[in-house]
Amino acid sequence: MFSTLPGSTSLLVDRLVELSPHSGRLLFIYPTRRGAQTFMDAYLGPVLDPIIRSMVVLHNFSSDLRTRLGRMDAVGALPTFASLESQLRRLCRELSGSGGNEPSARTLGSAASSLERLRQGASFAVTYAACERVRLERSVWAKEWWVKQEKRRVRDAVTAWYQTARSQMDKIPVEIIEEILSGVATKQQAREPSEGVEVGVFVIVRKG
């Protein structure tokens, strides 16, 4: 995301290069590692954990499968707010020094093709940086995000487990997968989370 190396792909670089040279502004909001952990503990966990516990009893889920379903690998890969700000400022410095450079004809990737469009003298700067907390609506994170993003991972995990446990099963993987996904999307919570998810909020300005 923060790379300008040949062959890299960066939607962020694409959006920055598309900004107007006349003080064009980009509002960039990105979750932090702490925010992702809060999401796991306060939002997803209280909904998903009871579903998985019931399936341990009903379908004899293994402890390994229970762990896999309750984990999101992306959490550990997300940056802290300090790291996010540092990487964003470094990217702005690199882009500010890229204008007028002539990439190789063999250079591939969206970041490289975007840099070709930069005019000499273009500069980018982070003019606002803040760590904020955002309350997430259940209808948004459950139905519009988690279920769609994690469907493949849930399907792969349940299917792999089923192949070794099917002699004990009375349901096929499709039905179990649907139970998990629909449960996360619709299962009632005793109470809504009171803690917001931490995100980094930045404003980047382009001149030239």
N, C-alpha and C. Protein backbone atom coordinates (compact mmCIF):
# COMPACT_ATOMS: atom_id res chain seq x y z
N MET A 1 0.82 -1.21 0.00
CA MET A 1 0.00 0.00 0.00
C MET A 1 0.85 1.27 0.00
N PHE A 2 1.99 1.21 0.69
CA PHE A 2 2.83 2.39 0.81
C PHE A 2 4.05 2.34 -0.11
N SER A 3 4.05 1.41 -1.05
CA SER A 3 5.23 1.22 -1.89
C SER A 3 5.11 1.94 -3.22
N THR A 4 6.26 2.47 -3.67
CA THR A 4 6.34 3.07 -5.00
C THR A 4 7.34 2.30 -5.87
N LEU A 5 7.71 1.11 -5.44
CA LEU A 5 8.68 0.31 -6.17
C LEU A 5 8.10 -0.22 -7.47
N PRO A 6 8.91 -0.39 -8.50
CA PRO A 6 8.43 -0.97 -9.76
C PRO A 6 7.82 -2.34 -9.53
N GLY A 7 6.67 -2.56 -10.16
CA GLY A 7 5.99 -3.84 -10.02
C GLY A 7 4.99 -3.89 -8.88
N SER A 8 5.00 -2.88 -8.00
CA SER A 8 4.07 -2.87 -6.86
C SER A 8 2.72 -2.32 -7.28
N THR A 9 1.70 -2.67 -6.51
CA THR A 9 0.35 -2.19 -6.77
C THR A 9 -0.14 -1.44 -5.53
N SER A 10 -0.58 -0.21 -5.70
CA SER A 10 -1.01 0.59 -4.57
C SER A 10 -2.19 1.47 -4.95
N LEU A 11 -3.36 1.14 -4.40
CA LEU A 11 -4.55 1.97 -4.63
C LEU A 11 -4.37 3.35 -4.00
N LEU A 12 -3.62 3.40 -2.89
CA LEU A 12 -3.39 4.69 -2.23
C LEU A 12 -2.57 5.61 -3.12
N VAL A 13 -1.51 5.08 -3.72
CA VAL A 13 -0.71 5.89 -4.63
C VAL A 13 -1.55 6.36 -5.81
N ASP A 14 -2.38 5.46 -6.35
CA ASP A 14 -3.26 5.84 -7.46
C ASP A 14 -4.14 7.03 -7.10
N ARG A 15 -4.74 6.98 -5.89
CA ARG A 15 -5.64 8.07 -5.48
C ARG A 15 -4.88 9.36 -5.25
N LEU A 16 -3.68 9.28 -4.71
CA LEU A 16 -2.89 10.49 -4.45
C LEU A 16 -2.49 11.16 -5.76
N VAL A 17 -2.07 10.37 -6.72
CA VAL A 17 -1.64 10.92 -8.00
C VAL A 17 -2.81 11.58 -8.73
N GLU A 18 -4.02 11.08 -8.50
CA GLU A 18 -5.20 11.63 -9.16
C GLU A 18 -5.67 12.95 -8.55
N LEU A 19 -5.11 13.34 -7.41
CA LEU A 19 -5.52 14.59 -6.77
C LEU A 19 -5.21 15.79 -7.66
N SER A 20 -6.03 16.81 -7.52
CA SER A 20 -5.78 18.06 -8.25
C SER A 20 -4.46 18.66 -7.80
N PRO A 21 -3.66 19.18 -8.73
CA PRO A 21 -2.40 19.83 -8.35
C PRO A 21 -2.63 21.15 -7.63
N HIS A 22 -3.87 21.60 -7.60
CA HIS A 22 -4.20 22.87 -6.94
C HIS A 22 -4.75 22.59 -5.54
N SER A 23 -3.88 22.13 -4.67
CA SER A 23 -4.22 21.84 -3.27
C SER A 23 -5.30 20.78 -3.15
N GLY A 24 -5.22 19.76 -4.00
CA GLY A 24 -6.16 18.64 -3.89
C GLY A 24 -5.96 17.91 -2.57
N ARG A 25 -7.05 17.45 -1.95
CA ARG A 25 -6.99 16.81 -0.64
C ARG A 25 -7.57 15.40 -0.67
N LEU A 26 -6.93 14.52 0.10
CA LEU A 26 -7.42 13.15 0.26
C LEU A 26 -7.61 12.87 1.75
N LEU A 27 -8.81 12.43 2.11
CA LEU A 27 -9.07 11.98 3.48
C LEU A 27 -8.82 10.47 3.52
N PHE A 28 -7.86 10.05 4.32
CA PHE A 28 -7.45 8.65 4.40
C PHE A 28 -7.71 8.13 5.81
N ILE A 29 -8.56 7.11 5.92
CA ILE A 29 -8.90 6.51 7.22
C ILE A 29 -8.54 5.03 7.15
N TYR A 30 -7.78 4.57 8.16
CA TYR A 30 -7.29 3.20 8.11
C TYR A 30 -7.26 2.62 9.52
N PRO A 31 -7.70 1.37 9.69
CA PRO A 31 -7.71 0.77 11.04
C PRO A 31 -6.30 0.48 11.53
N THR A 32 -6.10 0.59 12.83
CA THR A 32 -4.82 0.26 13.45
C THR A 32 -4.87 -1.15 14.03
N ARG A 33 -3.71 -1.64 14.45
CA ARG A 33 -3.67 -2.97 15.06
C ARG A 33 -4.50 -3.02 16.34
N ARG A 34 -4.42 -1.95 17.14
CA ARG A 34 -5.23 -1.91 18.36
C ARG A 34 -6.71 -1.89 18.02
N GLY A 35 -7.07 -1.15 16.97
CA GLY A 35 -8.47 -1.11 16.56
C GLY A 35 -8.97 -2.47 16.11
N ALA A 36 -8.13 -3.19 15.39
CA ALA A 36 -8.51 -4.53 14.93
C ALA A 36 -8.69 -5.48 16.09
N GLN A 37 -7.83 -5.36 17.11
CA GLN A 37 -7.96 -6.23 18.28
C GLN A 37 -9.22 -5.90 19.06
N THR A 38 -9.55 -4.61 19.14
CA THR A 38 -10.80 -4.21 19.79
C THR A 38 -11.99 -4.79 19.04
N PHE A 39 -11.92 -4.77 17.72
CA PHE A 39 -13.00 -5.35 16.92
C PHE A 39 -13.16 -6.84 17.23
N MET A 40 -12.04 -7.56 17.30
CA MET A 40 -12.09 -8.99 17.60
C MET A 40 -12.69 -9.25 18.98
N ASP A 41 -12.25 -8.47 19.98
CA ASP A 41 -12.64 -8.73 21.36
C ASP A 41 -14.04 -8.23 21.71
N ALA A 42 -14.41 -7.05 21.19
CA ALA A 42 -15.67 -6.41 21.61
C ALA A 42 -16.81 -6.55 20.61
N TYR A 43 -16.48 -6.76 19.35
CA TYR A 43 -17.53 -6.84 18.32
C TYR A 43 -17.73 -8.27 17.82
N LEU A 44 -16.70 -8.85 17.23
CA LEU A 44 -16.85 -10.17 16.63
C LEU A 44 -16.91 -11.28 17.66
N GLY A 45 -16.02 -11.25 18.65
CA GLY A 45 -15.94 -12.32 19.63
C GLY A 45 -17.25 -12.64 20.33
N PRO A 46 -17.94 -11.64 20.90
CA PRO A 46 -19.20 -11.93 21.61
C PRO A 46 -20.29 -12.53 20.72
N VAL A 47 -20.18 -12.36 19.41
CA VAL A 47 -21.17 -12.94 18.49
C VAL A 47 -20.71 -14.30 17.99
N LEU A 48 -19.45 -14.39 17.56
CA LEU A 48 -18.95 -15.62 16.96
C LEU A 48 -18.68 -16.72 17.98
N ASP A 49 -18.16 -16.37 19.15
CA ASP A 49 -17.77 -17.39 20.13
C ASP A 49 -18.93 -18.30 20.55
N PRO A 50 -20.12 -17.76 20.87
CA PRO A 50 -21.24 -18.65 21.23
C PRO A 50 -21.65 -19.58 20.09
N ILE A 51 -21.56 -19.09 18.86
CA ILE A 51 -21.91 -19.92 17.71
C ILE A 51 -20.94 -21.09 17.60
N ILE A 52 -19.66 -20.80 17.74
CA ILE A 52 -18.65 -21.86 17.64
C ILE A 52 -18.77 -22.82 18.81
N ARG A 53 -19.02 -22.32 20.01
CA ARG A 53 -19.16 -23.20 21.18
C ARG A 53 -20.32 -24.17 21.00
N SER A 54 -21.43 -23.67 20.45
CA SER A 54 -22.57 -24.56 20.23
C SER A 54 -22.25 -25.62 19.19
N MET A 55 -21.42 -25.28 18.21
CA MET A 55 -21.06 -26.24 17.17
C MET A 55 -20.03 -27.26 17.66
N VAL A 56 -19.26 -26.88 18.69
CA VAL A 56 -18.36 -27.85 19.31
C VAL A 56 -19.19 -28.98 19.90
N VAL A 57 -20.33 -28.62 20.48
CA VAL A 57 -21.21 -29.62 21.10
C VAL A 57 -22.02 -30.36 20.04
N LEU A 58 -22.63 -29.62 19.11
CA LEU A 58 -23.53 -30.24 18.14
C LEU A 58 -22.79 -31.03 17.07
N HIS A 59 -21.66 -30.51 16.61
CA HIS A 59 -20.96 -31.12 15.48
C HIS A 59 -19.57 -31.65 15.82
N ASN A 60 -19.23 -31.60 17.12
CA ASN A 60 -17.94 -32.12 17.56
C ASN A 60 -16.77 -31.41 16.88
N PHE A 61 -16.89 -30.09 16.77
CA PHE A 61 -15.79 -29.30 16.22
C PHE A 61 -14.52 -29.55 17.02
N SER A 62 -13.39 -29.62 16.32
CA SER A 62 -12.12 -29.78 17.00
C SER A 62 -11.67 -28.43 17.57
N SER A 63 -10.76 -28.48 18.55
CA SER A 63 -10.24 -27.24 19.14
C SER A 63 -9.47 -26.44 18.09
N ASP A 64 -8.81 -27.14 17.16
CA ASP A 64 -8.05 -26.48 16.11
C ASP A 64 -8.99 -25.69 15.19
N LEU A 65 -10.11 -26.29 14.82
CA LEU A 65 -11.06 -25.60 13.95
C LEU A 65 -11.67 -24.41 14.68
N ARG A 66 -11.97 -24.58 15.95
CA ARG A 66 -12.52 -23.48 16.74
C ARG A 66 -11.56 -22.30 16.75
N THR A 67 -10.26 -22.58 16.90
CA THR A 67 -9.24 -21.52 16.91
C THR A 67 -9.15 -20.84 15.55
N ARG A 68 -9.17 -21.63 14.49
CA ARG A 68 -9.05 -21.09 13.13
C ARG A 68 -10.23 -20.18 12.79
N LEU A 69 -11.42 -20.58 13.16
CA LEU A 69 -12.60 -19.78 12.84
C LEU A 69 -12.64 -18.48 13.64
N GLY A 70 -12.07 -18.48 14.82
CA GLY A 70 -12.12 -17.29 15.67
C GLY A 70 -10.95 -16.36 15.47
N ARG A 71 -10.12 -16.64 14.46
CA ARG A 71 -8.92 -15.83 14.23
C ARG A 71 -9.02 -15.08 12.91
N MET A 72 -8.44 -13.87 12.89
CA MET A 72 -8.29 -13.13 11.64
C MET A 72 -6.81 -12.78 11.49
N ASP A 73 -6.17 -13.39 10.50
CA ASP A 73 -4.72 -13.23 10.33
C ASP A 73 -4.30 -11.79 10.08
N ALA A 74 -5.21 -10.99 9.51
CA ALA A 74 -4.85 -9.61 9.16
C ALA A 74 -4.60 -8.74 10.39
N VAL A 75 -5.12 -9.15 11.56
CA VAL A 75 -5.00 -8.33 12.76
C VAL A 75 -3.53 -8.06 13.09
N GLY A 76 -2.73 -9.11 13.12
CA GLY A 76 -1.32 -8.95 13.48
C GLY A 76 -0.51 -8.20 12.45
N ALA A 77 -1.02 -8.15 11.21
CA ALA A 77 -0.28 -7.48 10.13
C ALA A 77 -0.57 -5.99 10.06
N LEU A 78 -1.60 -5.52 10.74
CA LEU A 78 -1.94 -4.10 10.69
C LEU A 78 -0.93 -3.28 11.49
N PRO A 79 -0.68 -2.05 11.06
CA PRO A 79 0.30 -1.20 11.76
C PRO A 79 -0.30 -0.52 12.98
N THR A 80 0.57 -0.09 13.89
CA THR A 80 0.13 0.80 14.96
C THR A 80 -0.12 2.17 14.35
N PHE A 81 -0.74 3.06 15.14
CA PHE A 81 -0.98 4.40 14.61
C PHE A 81 0.34 5.10 14.30
N ALA A 82 1.32 4.97 15.19
CA ALA A 82 2.61 5.63 14.97
C ALA A 82 3.28 5.12 13.70
N SER A 83 3.22 3.81 13.48
CA SER A 83 3.81 3.23 12.28
C SER A 83 3.06 3.69 11.03
N LEU A 84 1.74 3.74 11.13
CA LEU A 84 0.91 4.17 10.00
C LEU A 84 1.24 5.60 9.60
N GLU A 85 1.35 6.47 10.58
CA GLU A 85 1.69 7.87 10.30
C GLU A 85 3.08 7.98 9.69
N SER A 86 4.03 7.23 10.23
CA SER A 86 5.40 7.27 9.73
C SER A 86 5.47 6.79 8.27
N GLN A 87 4.77 5.71 7.96
CA GLN A 87 4.79 5.18 6.59
C GLN A 87 4.11 6.14 5.61
N LEU A 88 3.06 6.80 6.07
CA LEU A 88 2.34 7.72 5.20
C LEU A 88 3.18 8.96 4.90
N ARG A 89 3.88 9.47 5.90
CA ARG A 89 4.75 10.63 5.69
C ARG A 89 5.93 10.25 4.79
N ARG A 90 6.46 9.05 4.96
CA ARG A 90 7.55 8.61 4.09
C ARG A 90 7.07 8.49 2.65
N LEU A 91 5.86 7.96 2.45
CA LEU A 91 5.31 7.85 1.11
C LEU A 91 5.17 9.23 0.47
N CYS A 92 4.72 10.21 1.23
CA CYS A 92 4.57 11.56 0.70
C CYS A 92 5.92 12.13 0.28
N ARG A 93 6.95 11.86 1.08
CA ARG A 93 8.29 12.35 0.71
C ARG A 93 8.77 11.68 -0.58
N GLU A 94 8.52 10.38 -0.71
CA GLU A 94 8.95 9.66 -1.91
C GLU A 94 8.21 10.17 -3.14
N LEU A 95 6.90 10.41 -3.01
CA LEU A 95 6.13 10.91 -4.14
C LEU A 95 6.54 12.32 -4.51
N SER A 96 6.89 13.11 -3.50
CA SER A 96 7.31 14.48 -3.77
C SER A 96 8.62 14.52 -4.54
N GLY A 97 9.39 13.46 -4.45
CA GLY A 97 10.66 13.41 -5.18
C GLY A 97 10.58 12.61 -6.45
N SER A 98 9.35 12.20 -6.85
CA SER A 98 9.20 11.32 -8.02
C SER A 98 8.86 12.07 -9.30
N GLY A 99 8.38 13.28 -9.19
CA GLY A 99 7.91 13.99 -10.37
C GLY A 99 9.00 14.17 -11.41
N GLY A 100 8.66 13.86 -12.65
CA GLY A 100 9.59 14.06 -13.74
C GLY A 100 10.52 12.90 -13.98
N ASN A 101 10.52 11.87 -13.08
CA ASN A 101 11.35 10.70 -13.31
C ASN A 101 10.80 9.89 -14.47
N GLU A 102 11.65 9.25 -15.21
CA GLU A 102 11.24 8.46 -16.35
C GLU A 102 11.35 6.98 -16.03
N PRO A 103 10.24 6.28 -15.76
CA PRO A 103 10.31 4.87 -15.45
C PRO A 103 10.70 4.06 -16.67
N SER A 104 11.25 2.86 -16.42
CA SER A 104 11.60 1.95 -17.51
C SER A 104 10.36 1.55 -18.28
N ALA A 105 10.52 1.30 -19.56
CA ALA A 105 9.39 0.87 -20.37
C ALA A 105 8.86 -0.48 -19.93
N ARG A 106 9.70 -1.24 -19.21
CA ARG A 106 9.29 -2.56 -18.76
C ARG A 106 8.62 -2.52 -17.38
N THR A 107 8.60 -1.35 -16.77
CA THR A 107 8.03 -1.23 -15.43
C THR A 107 6.55 -1.56 -15.45
N LEU A 108 6.12 -2.41 -14.52
CA LEU A 108 4.73 -2.84 -14.44
C LEU A 108 4.17 -2.45 -13.08
N GLY A 109 2.82 -2.47 -12.96
CA GLY A 109 2.18 -2.21 -11.68
C GLY A 109 1.54 -0.84 -11.63
N SER A 110 0.47 -0.73 -10.81
CA SER A 110 -0.27 0.52 -10.76
C SER A 110 0.54 1.65 -10.15
N ALA A 111 1.40 1.35 -9.16
CA ALA A 111 2.19 2.41 -8.53
C ALA A 111 3.11 3.05 -9.57
N ALA A 112 3.76 2.23 -10.37
CA ALA A 112 4.68 2.76 -11.38
C ALA A 112 3.94 3.56 -12.44
N SER A 113 2.82 3.03 -12.93
CA SER A 113 2.07 3.73 -13.97
C SER A 113 1.50 5.04 -13.43
N SER A 114 1.16 5.07 -12.13
CA SER A 114 0.67 6.31 -11.53
C SER A 114 1.78 7.34 -11.46
N LEU A 115 2.99 6.91 -11.12
CA LEU A 115 4.11 7.84 -11.02
C LEU A 115 4.42 8.49 -12.35
N GLU A 116 4.14 7.78 -13.45
CA GLU A 116 4.38 8.35 -14.76
C GLU A 116 3.54 9.61 -14.99
N ARG A 117 2.41 9.69 -14.29
CA ARG A 117 1.50 10.82 -14.49
C ARG A 117 1.85 12.02 -13.60
N LEU A 118 2.81 11.84 -12.70
CA LEU A 118 3.19 12.95 -11.83
C LEU A 118 3.97 14.01 -12.58
N ARG A 119 3.60 15.26 -12.38
CA ARG A 119 4.35 16.34 -13.00
C ARG A 119 5.56 16.68 -12.15
N GLN A 120 6.59 17.17 -12.79
CA GLN A 120 7.77 17.59 -12.06
C GLN A 120 7.39 18.75 -11.14
N GLY A 121 7.84 18.67 -9.90
CA GLY A 121 7.53 19.72 -8.93
C GLY A 121 6.33 19.42 -8.06
N ALA A 122 5.64 18.28 -8.29
CA ALA A 122 4.50 17.91 -7.45
C ALA A 122 4.99 17.58 -6.04
N SER A 123 4.23 18.01 -5.04
CA SER A 123 4.60 17.72 -3.65
C SER A 123 3.37 17.25 -2.89
N PHE A 124 3.60 16.38 -1.92
CA PHE A 124 2.53 15.82 -1.09
C PHE A 124 2.92 15.98 0.36
N ALA A 125 1.93 16.29 1.19
CA ALA A 125 2.22 16.48 2.62
C ALA A 125 1.02 16.06 3.45
N VAL A 126 1.31 15.43 4.59
CA VAL A 126 0.26 15.10 5.56
C VAL A 126 0.00 16.35 6.38
N THR A 127 -1.18 16.92 6.24
CA THR A 127 -1.49 18.17 6.95
C THR A 127 -2.34 17.94 8.20
N TYR A 128 -2.84 16.72 8.36
CA TYR A 128 -3.64 16.39 9.56
C TYR A 128 -3.44 14.91 9.85
N ALA A 129 -3.18 14.60 11.12
CA ALA A 129 -3.03 13.21 11.55
C ALA A 129 -3.59 13.07 12.96
N ALA A 130 -4.52 12.15 13.14
CA ALA A 130 -5.13 11.96 14.45
C ALA A 130 -5.54 10.50 14.63
N CYS A 131 -5.48 10.07 15.87
CA CYS A 131 -5.93 8.73 16.23
C CYS A 131 -7.34 8.86 16.82
N GLU A 132 -8.32 8.28 16.16
CA GLU A 132 -9.71 8.42 16.58
C GLU A 132 -10.32 7.04 16.86
N ARG A 133 -11.49 7.05 17.51
CA ARG A 133 -12.22 5.81 17.75
C ARG A 133 -13.60 5.92 17.09
N VAL A 134 -14.00 4.85 16.42
CA VAL A 134 -15.25 4.84 15.66
C VAL A 134 -16.13 3.68 16.12
N ARG A 135 -17.38 3.97 16.45
CA ARG A 135 -18.34 2.92 16.78
C ARG A 135 -18.87 2.32 15.48
N LEU A 136 -18.87 0.99 15.40
CA LEU A 136 -19.30 0.30 14.19
C LEU A 136 -20.72 -0.23 14.34
N GLU A 137 -21.55 0.03 13.35
CA GLU A 137 -22.91 -0.49 13.34
C GLU A 137 -22.88 -1.97 12.99
N ARG A 138 -23.66 -2.74 13.72
CA ARG A 138 -23.69 -4.19 13.49
C ARG A 138 -24.09 -4.53 12.06
N SER A 139 -25.05 -3.83 11.52
CA SER A 139 -25.52 -4.10 10.17
C SER A 139 -24.44 -3.87 9.13
N VAL A 140 -23.48 -3.01 9.47
CA VAL A 140 -22.39 -2.70 8.53
C VAL A 140 -21.28 -3.73 8.64
N TRP A 141 -20.74 -3.91 9.85
CA TRP A 141 -19.57 -4.79 9.97
C TRP A 141 -19.92 -6.26 9.79
N ALA A 142 -21.11 -6.66 10.22
CA ALA A 142 -21.47 -8.08 10.12
C ALA A 142 -21.93 -8.46 8.72
N LYS A 143 -22.92 -7.76 8.20
CA LYS A 143 -23.52 -8.16 6.93
C LYS A 143 -22.73 -7.66 5.72
N GLU A 144 -22.21 -6.45 5.82
CA GLU A 144 -21.58 -5.85 4.65
C GLU A 144 -20.07 -6.08 4.57
N TRP A 145 -19.47 -6.49 5.69
CA TRP A 145 -18.02 -6.62 5.68
C TRP A 145 -17.55 -8.02 6.07
N TRP A 146 -17.72 -8.41 7.35
CA TRP A 146 -17.12 -9.65 7.82
C TRP A 146 -17.62 -10.87 7.05
N VAL A 147 -18.92 -10.99 6.89
CA VAL A 147 -19.47 -12.17 6.22
C VAL A 147 -18.94 -12.30 4.79
N LYS A 148 -18.87 -11.19 4.08
CA LYS A 148 -18.39 -11.23 2.70
C LYS A 148 -16.89 -11.48 2.63
N GLN A 149 -16.13 -10.85 3.53
CA GLN A 149 -14.68 -10.98 3.48
C GLN A 149 -14.21 -12.34 3.97
N GLU A 150 -14.86 -12.87 5.00
CA GLU A 150 -14.37 -14.09 5.64
C GLU A 150 -15.06 -15.36 5.13
N LYS A 151 -15.98 -15.24 4.21
CA LYS A 151 -16.73 -16.41 3.74
C LYS A 151 -15.80 -17.49 3.20
N ARG A 152 -14.84 -17.11 2.39
CA ARG A 152 -13.94 -18.10 1.80
C ARG A 152 -13.10 -18.80 2.86
N ARG A 153 -12.58 -18.04 3.83
CA ARG A 153 -11.76 -18.64 4.89
C ARG A 153 -12.58 -19.61 5.72
N VAL A 154 -13.80 -19.22 6.08
CA VAL A 154 -14.69 -20.10 6.85
C VAL A 154 -15.00 -21.36 6.04
N ARG A 155 -15.28 -21.20 4.77
CA ARG A 155 -15.60 -22.34 3.91
C ARG A 155 -14.42 -23.31 3.82
N ASP A 156 -13.22 -22.78 3.63
CA ASP A 156 -12.04 -23.64 3.50
C ASP A 156 -11.76 -24.39 4.79
N ALA A 157 -11.90 -23.70 5.93
CA ALA A 157 -11.62 -24.33 7.22
C ALA A 157 -12.63 -25.44 7.53
N VAL A 158 -13.91 -25.17 7.30
CA VAL A 158 -14.95 -26.16 7.59
C VAL A 158 -14.86 -27.34 6.63
N THR A 159 -14.60 -27.07 5.37
CA THR A 159 -14.49 -28.15 4.38
C THR A 159 -13.32 -29.08 4.70
N ALA A 160 -12.18 -28.50 5.07
CA ALA A 160 -11.02 -29.32 5.41
C ALA A 160 -11.30 -30.19 6.64
N TRP A 161 -11.99 -29.61 7.61
CA TRP A 161 -12.34 -30.38 8.81
C TRP A 161 -13.34 -31.48 8.49
N TYR A 162 -14.30 -31.17 7.66
CA TYR A 162 -15.36 -32.14 7.30
C TYR A 162 -14.77 -33.38 6.62
N GLN A 163 -13.74 -33.20 5.84
CA GLN A 163 -13.15 -34.32 5.12
C GLN A 163 -12.59 -35.38 6.05
N THR A 164 -12.24 -34.99 7.27
CA THR A 164 -11.72 -35.95 8.24
C THR A 164 -12.77 -36.39 9.25
N ALA A 165 -13.90 -35.66 9.34
CA ALA A 165 -14.90 -35.96 10.37
C ALA A 165 -16.26 -36.33 9.81
N ARG A 166 -16.39 -36.50 8.51
CA ARG A 166 -17.72 -36.68 7.91
C ARG A 166 -18.44 -37.93 8.36
N SER A 167 -17.70 -38.94 8.82
CA SER A 167 -18.37 -40.16 9.28
C SER A 167 -19.22 -39.90 10.52
N GLN A 168 -18.92 -38.78 11.21
CA GLN A 168 -19.67 -38.44 12.43
C GLN A 168 -20.71 -37.34 12.17
N MET A 169 -20.86 -36.92 10.91
CA MET A 169 -21.67 -35.76 10.60
C MET A 169 -23.05 -36.12 10.07
N ASP A 170 -24.02 -35.27 10.40
CA ASP A 170 -25.35 -35.41 9.81
C ASP A 170 -25.69 -34.19 8.96
N LYS A 171 -24.72 -33.28 8.82
CA LYS A 171 -24.90 -32.10 7.97
C LYS A 171 -23.71 -31.96 7.04
N ILE A 172 -23.95 -31.42 5.86
CA ILE A 172 -22.87 -31.22 4.91
C ILE A 172 -22.24 -29.85 5.18
N PRO A 173 -20.99 -29.61 4.70
CA PRO A 173 -20.31 -28.34 4.99
C PRO A 173 -21.09 -27.10 4.62
N VAL A 174 -21.82 -27.13 3.50
CA VAL A 174 -22.55 -25.94 3.07
C VAL A 174 -23.52 -25.48 4.14
N GLU A 175 -24.21 -26.42 4.78
CA GLU A 175 -25.17 -26.07 5.82
C GLU A 175 -24.48 -25.51 7.06
N ILE A 176 -23.34 -26.09 7.42
CA ILE A 176 -22.60 -25.61 8.59
C ILE A 176 -22.04 -24.22 8.33
N ILE A 177 -21.47 -24.03 7.15
CA ILE A 177 -20.92 -22.73 6.78
C ILE A 177 -22.02 -21.67 6.83
N GLU A 178 -23.18 -21.99 6.32
CA GLU A 178 -24.30 -21.04 6.33
C GLU A 178 -24.74 -20.72 7.75
N GLU A 179 -24.72 -21.72 8.63
CA GLU A 179 -25.07 -21.48 10.03
C GLU A 179 -24.14 -20.46 10.66
N ILE A 180 -22.85 -20.61 10.39
CA ILE A 180 -21.85 -19.70 10.97
C ILE A 180 -22.03 -18.28 10.43
N LEU A 181 -22.11 -18.17 9.10
CA LEU A 181 -22.19 -16.84 8.47
C LEU A 181 -23.50 -16.14 8.81
N SER A 182 -24.61 -16.85 8.72
CA SER A 182 -25.90 -16.22 9.03
C SER A 182 -26.00 -15.91 10.52
N GLY A 183 -25.36 -16.74 11.35
CA GLY A 183 -25.37 -16.47 12.79
C GLY A 183 -24.65 -15.17 13.12
N VAL A 184 -23.49 -14.95 12.50
CA VAL A 184 -22.75 -13.71 12.73
C VAL A 184 -23.56 -12.51 12.24
N ALA A 185 -24.26 -12.68 11.11
CA ALA A 185 -25.00 -11.58 10.51
C ALA A 185 -26.27 -11.23 11.29
N THR A 186 -26.89 -12.22 11.95
CA THR A 186 -28.22 -11.98 12.52
C THR A 186 -28.35 -12.26 14.02
N LYS A 187 -27.41 -12.98 14.61
CA LYS A 187 -27.54 -13.36 16.03
C LYS A 187 -27.60 -12.13 16.92
N GLN A 188 -28.55 -12.12 17.84
CA GLN A 188 -28.71 -10.99 18.74
C GLN A 188 -27.61 -10.96 19.80
N GLN A 189 -27.14 -9.75 20.12
CA GLN A 189 -26.17 -9.55 21.18
C GLN A 189 -26.88 -9.10 22.45
N ALA A 190 -26.31 -9.49 23.59
CA ALA A 190 -26.89 -9.06 24.85
C ALA A 190 -26.82 -7.54 24.97
N ARG A 191 -25.74 -6.97 24.48
CA ARG A 191 -25.60 -5.51 24.47
C ARG A 191 -24.61 -5.12 23.40
N GLU A 192 -24.77 -3.93 22.87
CA GLU A 192 -23.88 -3.43 21.83
C GLU A 192 -22.55 -3.00 22.46
N PRO A 193 -21.45 -3.13 21.73
CA PRO A 193 -20.14 -2.70 22.26
C PRO A 193 -20.14 -1.22 22.59
N SER A 194 -19.51 -0.88 23.70
CA SER A 194 -19.42 0.52 24.10
C SER A 194 -18.12 1.16 23.64
N GLU A 195 -17.15 0.34 23.26
CA GLU A 195 -15.84 0.85 22.88
C GLU A 195 -15.73 1.00 21.37
N GLY A 196 -15.19 2.12 20.92
CA GLY A 196 -14.99 2.34 19.50
C GLY A 196 -13.72 1.67 19.01
N VAL A 197 -13.65 1.45 17.71
CA VAL A 197 -12.49 0.84 17.07
C VAL A 197 -11.51 1.94 16.68
N GLU A 198 -10.25 1.78 17.06
CA GLU A 198 -9.24 2.80 16.78
C GLU A 198 -8.87 2.82 15.30
N VAL A 199 -8.85 4.02 14.73
CA VAL A 199 -8.44 4.21 13.34
C VAL A 199 -7.52 5.43 13.25
N GLY A 200 -6.69 5.43 12.23
CA GLY A 200 -5.89 6.60 11.94
C GLY A 200 -6.62 7.46 10.91
N VAL A 201 -6.69 8.75 11.16
CA VAL A 201 -7.37 9.68 10.25
C VAL A 201 -6.33 10.69 9.75
N PHE A 202 -6.21 10.78 8.43
CA PHE A 202 -5.18 11.64 7.84
C PHE A 202 -5.76 12.46 6.68
N VAL A 203 -5.23 13.66 6.53
CA VAL A 203 -5.53 14.49 5.37
C VAL A 203 -4.21 14.74 4.65
N ILE A 204 -4.19 14.41 3.36
CA ILE A 204 -2.99 14.59 2.54
C ILE A 204 -3.29 15.61 1.45
N VAL A 205 -2.40 16.57 1.29
CA VAL A 205 -2.60 17.64 0.32
C VAL A 205 -1.53 17.56 -0.77
N ARG A 206 -1.98 17.71 -2.01
CA ARG A 206 -1.05 17.75 -3.13
C ARG A 206 -0.96 19.19 -3.66
N LYS A 207 0.25 19.60 -3.97
CA LYS A 207 0.48 20.89 -4.63
C LYS A 207 1.43 20.68 -5.80
N GLY A 208 1.08 21.27 -6.92
CA GLY A 208 1.93 21.16 -8.09
C GLY A 208 1.65 19.92 -8.94
